Amino acid sequence: MGFRRALDVCCIISRLAHARWMLLSGGSSPVGTPELGLPESKSAPPGQRADSYLP
């Protein structure tokens, strides 16, 4: 898979995610919100670094 194809697939996945949140929110928000069950971004735990030695 070339870089261009990988980038296209990422964009498609992003569009699908936005469409899902629009469907769940009734068309009011293209992103997940605390009202839809996601944690608020200010209270979310910090991200974890990936470990290349773990499967």
PDB file of N, CA and C in Angstrom:
ATOM      1  N   MET A   1       0.858  -1.164   0.000  1.00  0.00           N
ATOM      2  CA  MET A   1       0.000   0.000   0.000  1.00  0.00           C
ATOM      3  C   MET A   1       0.903   1.224   0.000  1.00  0.00           C
ATOM      4  N   GLY A   2       0.672   2.106  -0.929  1.00  0.00           N
ATOM      5  CA  GLY A   2       1.469   3.310  -1.012  1.00  0.00           C
ATOM      6  C   GLY A   2       1.001   4.381  -0.044  1.00  0.00           C
ATOM      7  N   PHE A   3       1.812   5.402   0.086  1.00  0.00           N
ATOM      8  CA  PHE A   3       1.493   6.486   1.014  1.00  0.00           C
ATOM      9  C   PHE A   3       0.180   7.152   0.654  1.00  0.00           C
ATOM     10  N   ARG A   4      -0.032   7.411  -0.617  1.00  0.00           N
ATOM     11  CA  ARG A   4      -1.257   8.093  -1.049  1.00  0.00           C
ATOM     12  C   ARG A   4      -2.499   7.277  -0.696  1.00  0.00           C
ATOM     13  N   ARG A   5      -2.444   5.974  -0.918  1.00  0.00           N
ATOM     14  CA  ARG A   5      -3.579   5.106  -0.601  1.00  0.00           C
ATOM     15  C   ARG A   5      -3.823   5.073   0.906  1.00  0.00           C
ATOM     16  N   ALA A   6      -2.757   5.002   1.697  1.00  0.00           N
ATOM     17  CA  ALA A   6      -2.893   5.001   3.151  1.00  0.00           C
ATOM     18  C   ALA A   6      -3.522   6.301   3.637  1.00  0.00           C
ATOM     19  N   LEU A   7      -3.122   7.414   3.050  1.00  0.00           N
ATOM     20  CA  LEU A   7      -3.695   8.711   3.417  1.00  0.00           C
ATOM     21  C   LEU A   7      -5.175   8.779   3.046  1.00  0.00           C
ATOM     22  N   ASP A   8      -5.532   8.261   1.880  1.00  0.00           N
ATOM     23  CA  ASP A   8      -6.936   8.221   1.461  1.00  0.00           C
ATOM     24  C   ASP A   8      -7.779   7.398   2.430  1.00  0.00           C
ATOM     25  N   VAL A   9      -7.252   6.268   2.872  1.00  0.00           N
ATOM     26  CA  VAL A   9      -7.988   5.406   3.802  1.00  0.00           C
ATOM     27  C   VAL A   9      -8.176   6.114   5.140  1.00  0.00           C
ATOM     28  N   CYS A  10      -7.169   6.834   5.605  1.00  0.00           N
ATOM     29  CA  CYS A  10      -7.297   7.599   6.855  1.00  0.00           C
ATOM     30  C   CYS A  10      -8.400   8.642   6.737  1.00  0.00           C
ATOM     31  N   CYS A  11      -8.476   9.302   5.616  1.00  0.00           N
ATOM     32  CA  CYS A  11      -9.518  10.308   5.401  1.00  0.00           C
ATOM     33  C   CYS A  11     -10.900   9.670   5.373  1.00  0.00           C
ATOM     34  N   ILE A  12     -11.013   8.503   4.771  1.00  0.00           N
ATOM     35  CA  ILE A  12     -12.291   7.796   4.724  1.00  0.00           C
ATOM     36  C   ILE A  12     -12.728   7.399   6.136  1.00  0.00           C
ATOM     37  N   ILE A  13     -11.799   6.894   6.937  1.00  0.00           N
ATOM     38  CA  ILE A  13     -12.127   6.506   8.308  1.00  0.00           C
ATOM     39  C   ILE A  13     -12.561   7.729   9.108  1.00  0.00           C
ATOM     40  N   SER A  14     -11.892   8.858   8.912  1.00  0.00           N
ATOM     41  CA  SER A  14     -12.273  10.088   9.602  1.00  0.00           C
ATOM     42  C   SER A  14     -13.678  10.522   9.214  1.00  0.00           C
ATOM     43  N   ARG A  15     -14.002  10.455   7.933  1.00  0.00           N
ATOM     44  CA  ARG A  15     -15.348  10.826   7.480  1.00  0.00           C
ATOM     45  C   ARG A  15     -16.405   9.912   8.076  1.00  0.00           C
ATOM     46  N   LEU A  16     -16.103   8.620   8.153  1.00  0.00           N
ATOM     47  CA  LEU A  16     -17.045   7.676   8.746  1.00  0.00           C
ATOM     48  C   LEU A  16     -17.263   7.976  10.232  1.00  0.00           C
ATOM     49  N   ALA A  17     -16.190   8.316  10.937  1.00  0.00           N
ATOM     50  CA  ALA A  17     -16.312   8.641  12.359  1.00  0.00           C
ATOM     51  C   ALA A  17     -17.178   9.890  12.544  1.00  0.00           C
ATOM     52  N   HIS A  18     -16.959  10.916  11.725  1.00  0.00           N
ATOM     53  CA  HIS A  18     -17.773  12.136  11.821  1.00  0.00           C
ATOM     54  C   HIS A  18     -19.236  11.840  11.490  1.00  0.00           C
ATOM     55  N   ALA A  19     -19.463  10.993  10.494  1.00  0.00           N
ATOM     56  CA  ALA A  19     -20.838  10.637  10.131  1.00  0.00           C
ATOM     57  C   ALA A  19     -21.510   9.895  11.276  1.00  0.00           C
ATOM     58  N   ARG A  20     -20.772   9.043  11.961  1.00  0.00           N
ATOM     59  CA  ARG A  20     -21.332   8.304  13.094  1.00  0.00           C
ATOM     60  C   ARG A  20     -21.752   9.250  14.204  1.00  0.00           C
ATOM     61  N   TRP A  21     -20.886  10.219  14.538  1.00  0.00           N
ATOM     62  CA  TRP A  21     -21.238  11.155  15.613  1.00  0.00           C
ATOM     63  C   TRP A  21     -22.397  12.057  15.205  1.00  0.00           C
ATOM     64  N   MET A  22     -22.474  12.407  13.943  1.00  0.00           N
ATOM     65  CA  MET A  22     -23.623  13.195  13.479  1.00  0.00           C
ATOM     66  C   MET A  22     -24.909  12.396  13.636  1.00  0.00           C
ATOM     67  N   LEU A  23     -24.846  11.111  13.350  1.00  0.00           N
ATOM     68  CA  LEU A  23     -26.024  10.251  13.488  1.00  0.00           C
ATOM     69  C   LEU A  23     -26.422  10.113  14.957  1.00  0.00           C
ATOM     70  N   LEU A  24     -25.432   9.863  15.824  1.00  0.00           N
ATOM     71  CA  LEU A  24     -25.725   9.688  17.248  1.00  0.00           C
ATOM     72  C   LEU A  24     -26.213  10.970  17.913  1.00  0.00           C
ATOM     73  N   SER A  25     -25.734  12.117  17.456  1.00  0.00           N
ATOM     74  CA  SER A  25     -26.116  13.386  18.080  1.00  0.00           C
ATOM     75  C   SER A  25     -27.356  13.994  17.445  1.00  0.00           C
ATOM     76  N   GLY A  26     -27.917  13.347  16.463  1.00  0.00           N
ATOM     77  CA  GLY A  26     -29.095  13.898  15.799  1.00  0.00           C
ATOM     78  C   GLY A  26     -28.759  15.063  14.897  1.00  0.00           C
ATOM     79  N   GLY A  27     -27.517  15.140  14.439  1.00  0.00           N
ATOM     80  CA  GLY A  27     -27.107  16.197  13.520  1.00  0.00           C
ATOM     81  C   GLY A  27     -26.601  17.457  14.200  1.00  0.00           C
ATOM     82  N   SER A  28     -26.431  17.430  15.529  1.00  0.00           N
ATOM     83  CA  SER A  28     -26.011  18.651  16.223  1.00  0.00           C
ATOM     84  C   SER A  28     -24.502  18.776  16.403  1.00  0.00           C
ATOM     85  N   SER A  29     -23.765  17.656  16.312  1.00  0.00           N
ATOM     86  CA  SER A  29     -22.315  17.728  16.544  1.00  0.00           C
ATOM     87  C   SER A  29     -21.590  16.673  15.717  1.00  0.00           C
ATOM     88  N   PRO A  30     -20.552  17.069  14.969  1.00  0.00           N
ATOM     89  CA  PRO A  30     -19.796  16.092  14.180  1.00  0.00           C
ATOM     90  C   PRO A  30     -18.708  15.374  14.981  1.00  0.00           C
ATOM     91  N   VAL A  31     -18.586  15.677  16.276  1.00  0.00           N
ATOM     92  CA  VAL A  31     -17.583  15.026  17.126  1.00  0.00           C
ATOM     93  C   VAL A  31     -18.253  14.510  18.393  1.00  0.00           C
ATOM     94  N   GLY A  32     -17.600  13.580  19.074  1.00  0.00           N
ATOM     95  CA  GLY A  32     -18.128  13.056  20.320  1.00  0.00           C
ATOM     96  C   GLY A  32     -18.075  14.107  21.418  1.00  0.00           C
ATOM     97  N   THR A  33     -19.071  14.121  22.261  1.00  0.00           N
ATOM     98  CA  THR A  33     -19.161  15.085  23.359  1.00  0.00           C
ATOM     99  C   THR A  33     -19.494  14.354  24.654  1.00  0.00           C
ATOM    100  N   PRO A  34     -19.323  15.004  25.798  1.00  0.00           N
ATOM    101  CA  PRO A  34     -19.701  14.371  27.067  1.00  0.00           C
ATOM    102  C   PRO A  34     -21.183  13.974  27.110  1.00  0.00           C
ATOM    103  N   GLU A  35     -22.031  14.722  26.418  1.00  0.00           N
ATOM    104  CA  GLU A  35     -23.451  14.377  26.394  1.00  0.00           C
ATOM    105  C   GLU A  35     -23.702  13.042  25.694  1.00  0.00           C
ATOM    106  N   LEU A  36     -22.768  12.640  24.844  1.00  0.00           N
ATOM    107  CA  LEU A  36     -22.898  11.377  24.121  1.00  0.00           C
ATOM    108  C   LEU A  36     -22.146  10.239  24.810  1.00  0.00           C
ATOM    109  N   GLY A  37     -21.614  10.497  26.000  1.00  0.00           N
ATOM    110  CA  GLY A  37     -20.965   9.448  26.774  1.00  0.00           C
ATOM    111  C   GLY A  37     -19.451   9.443  26.779  1.00  0.00           C
ATOM    112  N   LEU A  38     -18.823  10.388  26.107  1.00  0.00           N
ATOM    113  CA  LEU A  38     -17.358  10.451  26.120  1.00  0.00           C
ATOM    114  C   LEU A  38     -16.880  11.303  27.290  1.00  0.00           C
ATOM    115  N   PRO A  39     -15.690  11.006  27.828  1.00  0.00           N
ATOM    116  CA  PRO A  39     -15.170  11.865  28.898  1.00  0.00           C
ATOM    117  C   PRO A  39     -14.813  13.243  28.347  1.00  0.00           C
ATOM    118  N   GLU A  40     -14.940  14.253  29.193  1.00  0.00           N
ATOM    119  CA  GLU A  40     -14.560  15.601  28.778  1.00  0.00           C
ATOM    120  C   GLU A  40     -13.052  15.629  28.540  1.00  0.00           C
ATOM    121  N   SER A  41     -12.623  16.358  27.524  1.00  0.00           N
ATOM    122  CA  SER A  41     -11.203  16.334  27.145  1.00  0.00           C
ATOM    123  C   SER A  41     -10.298  16.840  28.262  1.00  0.00           C
ATOM    124  N   LYS A  42     -10.785  17.735  29.098  1.00  0.00           N
ATOM    125  CA  LYS A  42      -9.949  18.256  30.186  1.00  0.00           C
ATOM    126  C   LYS A  42      -9.758  17.233  31.294  1.00  0.00           C
ATOM    127  N   SER A  43     -10.701  16.286  31.432  1.00  0.00           N
ATOM    128  CA  SER A  43     -10.589  15.302  32.502  1.00  0.00           C
ATOM    129  C   SER A  43     -10.098  13.950  31.991  1.00  0.00           C
ATOM    130  N   ALA A  44      -9.838  13.832  30.696  1.00  0.00           N
ATOM    131  CA  ALA A  44      -9.368  12.573  30.127  1.00  0.00           C
ATOM    132  C   ALA A  44      -7.939  12.293  30.592  1.00  0.00           C
ATOM    133  N   PRO A  45      -7.594  11.014  30.793  1.00  0.00           N
ATOM    134  CA  PRO A  45      -6.233  10.691  31.216  1.00  0.00           C
ATOM    135  C   PRO A  45      -5.241  10.981  30.087  1.00  0.00           C
ATOM    136  N   PRO A  46      -3.982  11.194  30.425  1.00  0.00           N
ATOM    137  CA  PRO A  46      -2.983  11.441  29.382  1.00  0.00           C
ATOM    138  C   PRO A  46      -2.787  10.204  28.510  1.00  0.00           C
ATOM    139  N   GLY A  47      -2.372  10.440  27.302  1.00  0.00           N
ATOM    140  CA  GLY A  47      -2.114   9.333  26.378  1.00  0.00           C
ATOM    141  C   GLY A  47      -0.921   8.514  26.820  1.00  0.00           C
ATOM    142  N   GLN A  48      -0.854   7.280  26.350  1.00  0.00           N
ATOM    143  CA  GLN A  48       0.256   6.405  26.694  1.00  0.00           C
ATOM    144  C   GLN A  48       1.149   6.236  25.481  1.00  0.00           C
ATOM    145  N   ARG A  49       2.429   6.132  25.746  1.00  0.00           N
ATOM    146  CA  ARG A  49       3.383   5.905  24.661  1.00  0.00           C
ATOM    147  C   ARG A  49       3.317   4.446  24.227  1.00  0.00           C
ATOM    148  N   ALA A  50       3.476   4.229  22.960  1.00  0.00           N
ATOM    149  CA  ALA A  50       3.480   2.872  22.433  1.00  0.00           C
ATOM    150  C   ALA A  50       4.824   2.213  22.740  1.00  0.00           C
ATOM    151  N   ASP A  51       4.782   0.940  23.051  1.00  0.00           N
ATOM    152  CA  ASP A  51       5.993   0.178  23.305  1.00  0.00           C
ATOM    153  C   ASP A  51       6.181  -0.798  22.153  1.00  0.00           C
ATOM    154  N   SER A  52       7.213  -0.603  21.367  1.00  0.00           N
ATOM    155  CA  SER A  52       7.422  -1.434  20.189  1.00  0.00           C
ATOM    156  C   SER A  52       7.810  -2.868  20.533  1.00  0.00           C
ATOM    157  N   TYR A  53       8.118  -3.140  21.793  1.00  0.00           N
ATOM    158  CA  TYR A  53       8.504  -4.488  22.204  1.00  0.00           C
ATOM    159  C   TYR A  53       7.307  -5.322  22.636  1.00  0.00           C
ATOM    160  N   LEU A  54       6.135  -4.705  22.813  1.00  0.00           N
ATOM    161  CA  LEU A  54       4.933  -5.445  23.189  1.00  0.00           C
ATOM    162  C   LEU A  54       4.161  -5.829  21.944  1.00  0.00           C
ATOM    163  N   PRO A  55       3.538  -7.017  21.970  1.00  0.00           N
ATOM    164  CA  PRO A  55       2.773  -7.445  20.781  1.00  0.00           C
ATOM    165  C   PRO A  55       1.507  -6.629  20.608  1.00  0.00           C
TER     166      PRO A  55
END
